[in-house]
Amino acid sequence: CFQVCMSRTFKTEHSRHYHKLLLSFMTKLFTYENIVYIRIEIKKQIGTRMGRHTG
């Protein structure tokens, strides 16, 4: 049983590690896209505000 249990735990640990890597990669991508989107939105907001102030 020992070897089987060890291999099983190793497999789960390995998949967990892979899942963590994948998750972090996805979050990095997601946050990067969000940052770009937020920046564009902020620029739009500032642009409209400035336009209102001058006009």
PDB file of N, CA and C in Angstrom:
ATOM      1  N   CYS A   1       0.836  -1.204   0.000  1.00  0.00           N
ATOM      2  CA  CYS A   1       0.000   0.000   0.000  1.00  0.00           C
ATOM      3  C   CYS A   1       0.873   1.257   0.000  1.00  0.00           C
ATOM      4  N   PHE A   2       1.960   1.198   0.702  1.00  0.00           N
ATOM      5  CA  PHE A   2       2.793   2.390   0.873  1.00  0.00           C
ATOM      6  C   PHE A   2       3.164   3.030  -0.469  1.00  0.00           C
ATOM      7  N   GLN A   3       3.688   2.201  -1.379  1.00  0.00           N
ATOM      8  CA  GLN A   3       4.112   2.729  -2.683  1.00  0.00           C
ATOM      9  C   GLN A   3       2.935   3.319  -3.458  1.00  0.00           C
ATOM     10  N   VAL A   4       1.812   2.608  -3.412  1.00  0.00           N
ATOM     11  CA  VAL A   4       0.622   3.078  -4.122  1.00  0.00           C
ATOM     12  C   VAL A   4       0.168   4.420  -3.544  1.00  0.00           C
ATOM     13  N   CYS A   5       0.116   4.494  -2.219  1.00  0.00           N
ATOM     14  CA  CYS A   5      -0.312   5.725  -1.562  1.00  0.00           C
ATOM     15  C   CYS A   5       0.649   6.864  -1.905  1.00  0.00           C
ATOM     16  N   MET A   6       1.945   6.572  -1.865  1.00  0.00           N
ATOM     17  CA  MET A   6       2.958   7.574  -2.173  1.00  0.00           C
ATOM     18  C   MET A   6       2.790   8.092  -3.595  1.00  0.00           C
ATOM     19  N   SER A   7       2.633   7.171  -4.539  1.00  0.00           N
ATOM     20  CA  SER A   7       2.482   7.574  -5.936  1.00  0.00           C
ATOM     21  C   SER A   7       1.202   8.390  -6.112  1.00  0.00           C
ATOM     22  N   ARG A   8       0.163   8.006  -5.394  1.00  0.00           N
ATOM     23  CA  ARG A   8      -1.110   8.713  -5.492  1.00  0.00           C
ATOM     24  C   ARG A   8      -0.963  10.145  -4.972  1.00  0.00           C
ATOM     25  N   THR A   9      -0.337  10.274  -3.804  1.00  0.00           N
ATOM     26  CA  THR A   9      -0.150  11.606  -3.229  1.00  0.00           C
ATOM     27  C   THR A   9       0.748  12.434  -4.137  1.00  0.00           C
ATOM     28  N   PHE A  10       1.776  11.803  -4.694  1.00  0.00           N
ATOM     29  CA  PHE A  10       2.682  12.510  -5.591  1.00  0.00           C
ATOM     30  C   PHE A  10       1.912  13.040  -6.799  1.00  0.00           C
ATOM     31  N   LYS A  11       1.050  12.195  -7.341  1.00  0.00           N
ATOM     32  CA  LYS A  11       0.255  12.593  -8.504  1.00  0.00           C
ATOM     33  C   LYS A  11      -0.645  13.777  -8.162  1.00  0.00           C
ATOM     34  N   THR A  12      -1.307  13.699  -7.015  1.00  0.00           N
ATOM     35  CA  THR A  12      -2.204  14.783  -6.630  1.00  0.00           C
ATOM     36  C   THR A  12      -1.412  16.061  -6.388  1.00  0.00           C
ATOM     37  N   GLU A  13      -0.255  15.938  -5.734  1.00  0.00           N
ATOM     38  CA  GLU A  13       0.591  17.103  -5.478  1.00  0.00           C
ATOM     39  C   GLU A  13       1.029  17.729  -6.795  1.00  0.00           C
ATOM     40  N   HIS A  14       1.431  16.865  -7.726  1.00  0.00           N
ATOM     41  CA  HIS A  14       1.896  17.336  -9.027  1.00  0.00           C
ATOM     42  C   HIS A  14       0.779  18.087  -9.750  1.00  0.00           C
ATOM     43  N   SER A  15      -0.409  17.498  -9.777  1.00  0.00           N
ATOM     44  CA  SER A  15      -1.540  18.132 -10.457  1.00  0.00           C
ATOM     45  C   SER A  15      -1.910  19.440  -9.758  1.00  0.00           C
ATOM     46  N   ARG A  16      -1.794  19.444  -8.433  1.00  0.00           N
ATOM     47  CA  ARG A  16      -2.111  20.650  -7.672  1.00  0.00           C
ATOM     48  C   ARG A  16      -1.144  21.765  -8.049  1.00  0.00           C
ATOM     49  N   HIS A  17       0.142  21.397  -8.123  1.00  0.00           N
ATOM     50  CA  HIS A  17       1.179  22.366  -8.478  1.00  0.00           C
ATOM     51  C   HIS A  17       0.914  22.918  -9.879  1.00  0.00           C
ATOM     52  N   TYR A  18       0.586  22.019 -10.800  1.00  0.00           N
ATOM     53  CA  TYR A  18       0.292  22.418 -12.174  1.00  0.00           C
ATOM     54  C   TYR A  18      -0.923  23.345 -12.208  1.00  0.00           C
ATOM     55  N   HIS A  19      -1.924  22.988 -11.414  1.00  0.00           N
ATOM     56  CA  HIS A  19      -3.142  23.790 -11.342  1.00  0.00           C
ATOM     57  C   HIS A  19      -2.819  25.187 -10.820  1.00  0.00           C
ATOM     58  N   LYS A  20      -1.959  25.246  -9.803  1.00  0.00           N
ATOM     59  CA  LYS A  20      -1.558  26.535  -9.237  1.00  0.00           C
ATOM     60  C   LYS A  20      -0.866  27.380 -10.292  1.00  0.00           C
ATOM     61  N   LEU A  21       0.050  26.749 -11.035  1.00  0.00           N
ATOM     62  CA  LEU A  21       0.773  27.454 -12.094  1.00  0.00           C
ATOM     63  C   LEU A  21      -0.206  28.000 -13.125  1.00  0.00           C
ATOM     64  N   LEU A  22      -1.113  27.142 -13.551  1.00  0.00           N
ATOM     65  CA  LEU A  22      -2.106  27.524 -14.552  1.00  0.00           C
ATOM     66  C   LEU A  22      -2.962  28.675 -14.025  1.00  0.00           C
ATOM     67  N   LEU A  23      -3.367  28.563 -12.763  1.00  0.00           N
ATOM     68  CA  LEU A  23      -4.215  29.573 -12.149  1.00  0.00           C
ATOM     69  C   LEU A  23      -3.496  30.916 -12.094  1.00  0.00           C
ATOM     70  N   SER A  24      -2.234  30.894 -11.652  1.00  0.00           N
ATOM     71  CA  SER A  24      -1.464  32.134 -11.552  1.00  0.00           C
ATOM     72  C   SER A  24      -1.270  32.752 -12.931  1.00  0.00           C
ATOM     73  N   PHE A  25      -1.017  31.898 -13.926  1.00  0.00           N
ATOM     74  CA  PHE A  25      -0.848  32.385 -15.297  1.00  0.00           C
ATOM     75  C   PHE A  25      -2.132  33.047 -15.796  1.00  0.00           C
ATOM     76  N   MET A  26      -3.259  32.387 -15.524  1.00  0.00           N
ATOM     77  CA  MET A  26      -4.548  32.920 -15.949  1.00  0.00           C
ATOM     78  C   MET A  26      -4.842  34.244 -15.257  1.00  0.00           C
ATOM     79  N   THR A  27      -4.561  34.308 -13.959  1.00  0.00           N
ATOM     80  CA  THR A  27      -4.829  35.540 -13.222  1.00  0.00           C
ATOM     81  C   THR A  27      -3.937  36.663 -13.733  1.00  0.00           C
ATOM     82  N   LYS A  28      -2.668  36.329 -14.061  1.00  0.00           N
ATOM     83  CA  LYS A  28      -1.755  37.340 -14.595  1.00  0.00           C
ATOM     84  C   LYS A  28      -2.305  37.896 -15.898  1.00  0.00           C
ATOM     85  N   LEU A  29      -2.722  36.995 -16.779  1.00  0.00           N
ATOM     86  CA  LEU A  29      -3.295  37.409 -18.064  1.00  0.00           C
ATOM     87  C   LEU A  29      -4.527  38.272 -17.828  1.00  0.00           C
ATOM     88  N   PHE A  30      -5.398  37.778 -16.948  1.00  0.00           N
ATOM     89  CA  PHE A  30      -6.656  38.460 -16.663  1.00  0.00           C
ATOM     90  C   PHE A  30      -6.405  39.853 -16.098  1.00  0.00           C
ATOM     91  N   THR A  31      -5.503  39.948 -15.115  1.00  0.00           N
ATOM     92  CA  THR A  31      -5.220  41.238 -14.497  1.00  0.00           C
ATOM     93  C   THR A  31      -4.587  42.180 -15.509  1.00  0.00           C
ATOM     94  N   TYR A  32      -3.708  41.648 -16.372  1.00  0.00           N
ATOM     95  CA  TYR A  32      -3.066  42.488 -17.387  1.00  0.00           C
ATOM     96  C   TYR A  32      -4.123  43.079 -18.318  1.00  0.00           C
ATOM     97  N   GLU A  33      -5.033  42.224 -18.789  1.00  0.00           N
ATOM     98  CA  GLU A  33      -6.097  42.698 -19.677  1.00  0.00           C
ATOM     99  C   GLU A  33      -6.969  43.722 -18.956  1.00  0.00           C
ATOM    100  N   ASN A  34      -7.243  43.450 -17.679  1.00  0.00           N
ATOM    101  CA  ASN A  34      -8.058  44.365 -16.887  1.00  0.00           C
ATOM    102  C   ASN A  34      -7.384  45.717 -16.759  1.00  0.00           C
ATOM    103  N   ILE A  35      -6.064  45.696 -16.481  1.00  0.00           N
ATOM    104  CA  ILE A  35      -5.314  46.941 -16.318  1.00  0.00           C
ATOM    105  C   ILE A  35      -5.387  47.761 -17.603  1.00  0.00           C
ATOM    106  N   VAL A  36      -5.185  47.104 -18.736  1.00  0.00           N
ATOM    107  CA  VAL A  36      -5.248  47.797 -20.026  1.00  0.00           C
ATOM    108  C   VAL A  36      -6.636  48.397 -20.225  1.00  0.00           C
ATOM    109  N   TYR A  37      -7.655  47.592 -19.949  1.00  0.00           N
ATOM    110  CA  TYR A  37      -9.040  48.033 -20.116  1.00  0.00           C
ATOM    111  C   TYR A  37      -9.349  49.208 -19.196  1.00  0.00           C
ATOM    112  N   ILE A  38      -8.924  49.096 -17.927  1.00  0.00           N
ATOM    113  CA  ILE A  38      -9.172  50.152 -16.947  1.00  0.00           C
ATOM    114  C   ILE A  38      -8.475  51.436 -17.377  1.00  0.00           C
ATOM    115  N   ARG A  39      -7.245  51.314 -17.865  1.00  0.00           N
ATOM    116  CA  ARG A  39      -6.503  52.495 -18.324  1.00  0.00           C
ATOM    117  C   ARG A  39      -7.252  53.191 -19.454  1.00  0.00           C
ATOM    118  N   ILE A  40      -7.745  52.402 -20.395  1.00  0.00           N
ATOM    119  CA  ILE A  40      -8.495  52.965 -21.526  1.00  0.00           C
ATOM    120  C   ILE A  40      -9.738  53.682 -21.009  1.00  0.00           C
ATOM    121  N   GLU A  41     -10.436  53.035 -20.061  1.00  0.00           N
ATOM    122  CA  GLU A  41     -11.650  53.625 -19.499  1.00  0.00           C
ATOM    123  C   GLU A  41     -11.332  54.930 -18.780  1.00  0.00           C
ATOM    124  N   ILE A  42     -10.236  54.943 -18.006  1.00  0.00           N
ATOM    125  CA  ILE A  42      -9.835  56.149 -17.270  1.00  0.00           C
ATOM    126  C   ILE A  42      -9.529  57.268 -18.260  1.00  0.00           C
ATOM    127  N   LYS A  43      -8.816  56.927 -19.324  1.00  0.00           N
ATOM    128  CA  LYS A  43      -8.490  57.924 -20.354  1.00  0.00           C
ATOM    129  C   LYS A  43      -9.768  58.500 -20.954  1.00  0.00           C
ATOM    130  N   LYS A  44     -10.732  57.628 -21.216  1.00  0.00           N
ATOM    131  CA  LYS A  44     -12.019  58.076 -21.767  1.00  0.00           C
ATOM    132  C   LYS A  44     -12.695  59.036 -20.795  1.00  0.00           C
ATOM    133  N   GLN A  45     -12.725  58.642 -19.507  1.00  0.00           N
ATOM    134  CA  GLN A  45     -13.373  59.455 -18.485  1.00  0.00           C
ATOM    135  C   GLN A  45     -12.704  60.815 -18.389  1.00  0.00           C
ATOM    136  N   ILE A  46     -11.365  60.814 -18.329  1.00  0.00           N
ATOM    137  CA  ILE A  46     -10.613  62.067 -18.221  1.00  0.00           C
ATOM    138  C   ILE A  46     -10.868  62.919 -19.460  1.00  0.00           C
ATOM    139  N   GLY A  47     -10.864  62.276 -20.620  1.00  0.00           N
ATOM    140  CA  GLY A  47     -11.095  62.993 -21.874  1.00  0.00           C
ATOM    141  C   GLY A  47     -12.451  63.677 -21.888  1.00  0.00           C
ATOM    142  N   THR A  48     -13.488  62.956 -21.476  1.00  0.00           N
ATOM    143  CA  THR A  48     -14.832  63.535 -21.474  1.00  0.00           C
ATOM    144  C   THR A  48     -14.918  64.657 -20.448  1.00  0.00           C
ATOM    145  N   ARG A  49     -14.280  64.486 -19.306  1.00  0.00           N
ATOM    146  CA  ARG A  49     -14.309  65.505 -18.255  1.00  0.00           C
ATOM    147  C   ARG A  49     -13.613  66.769 -18.737  1.00  0.00           C
ATOM    148  N   MET A  50     -12.441  66.594 -19.337  1.00  0.00           N
ATOM    149  CA  MET A  50     -11.677  67.726 -19.830  1.00  0.00           C
ATOM    150  C   MET A  50     -12.472  68.446 -20.919  1.00  0.00           C
ATOM    151  N   GLY A  51     -13.101  67.665 -21.786  1.00  0.00           N
ATOM    152  CA  GLY A  51     -13.914  68.244 -22.850  1.00  0.00           C
ATOM    153  C   GLY A  51     -15.046  69.083 -22.280  1.00  0.00           C
ATOM    154  N   ARG A  52     -15.669  68.583 -21.226  1.00  0.00           N
ATOM    155  CA  ARG A  52     -16.769  69.300 -20.586  1.00  0.00           C
ATOM    156  C   ARG A  52     -16.264  70.602 -19.976  1.00  0.00           C
ATOM    157  N   HIS A  53     -15.109  70.521 -19.322  1.00  0.00           N
ATOM    158  CA  HIS A  53     -14.567  71.696 -18.641  1.00  0.00           C
ATOM    159  C   HIS A  53     -14.223  72.794 -19.645  1.00  0.00           C
ATOM    160  N   THR A  54     -13.584  72.394 -20.748  1.00  0.00           N
ATOM    161  CA  THR A  54     -13.199  73.396 -21.746  1.00  0.00           C
ATOM    162  C   THR A  54     -14.439  73.915 -22.472  1.00  0.00           C
ATOM    163  N   GLY A  55     -15.393  73.048 -22.716  1.00  0.00           N
ATOM    164  CA  GLY A  55     -16.606  73.442 -23.440  1.00  0.00           C
ATOM    165  C   GLY A  55     -17.620  74.031 -22.502  1.00  0.00           C
TER     166      GLY A  55
END
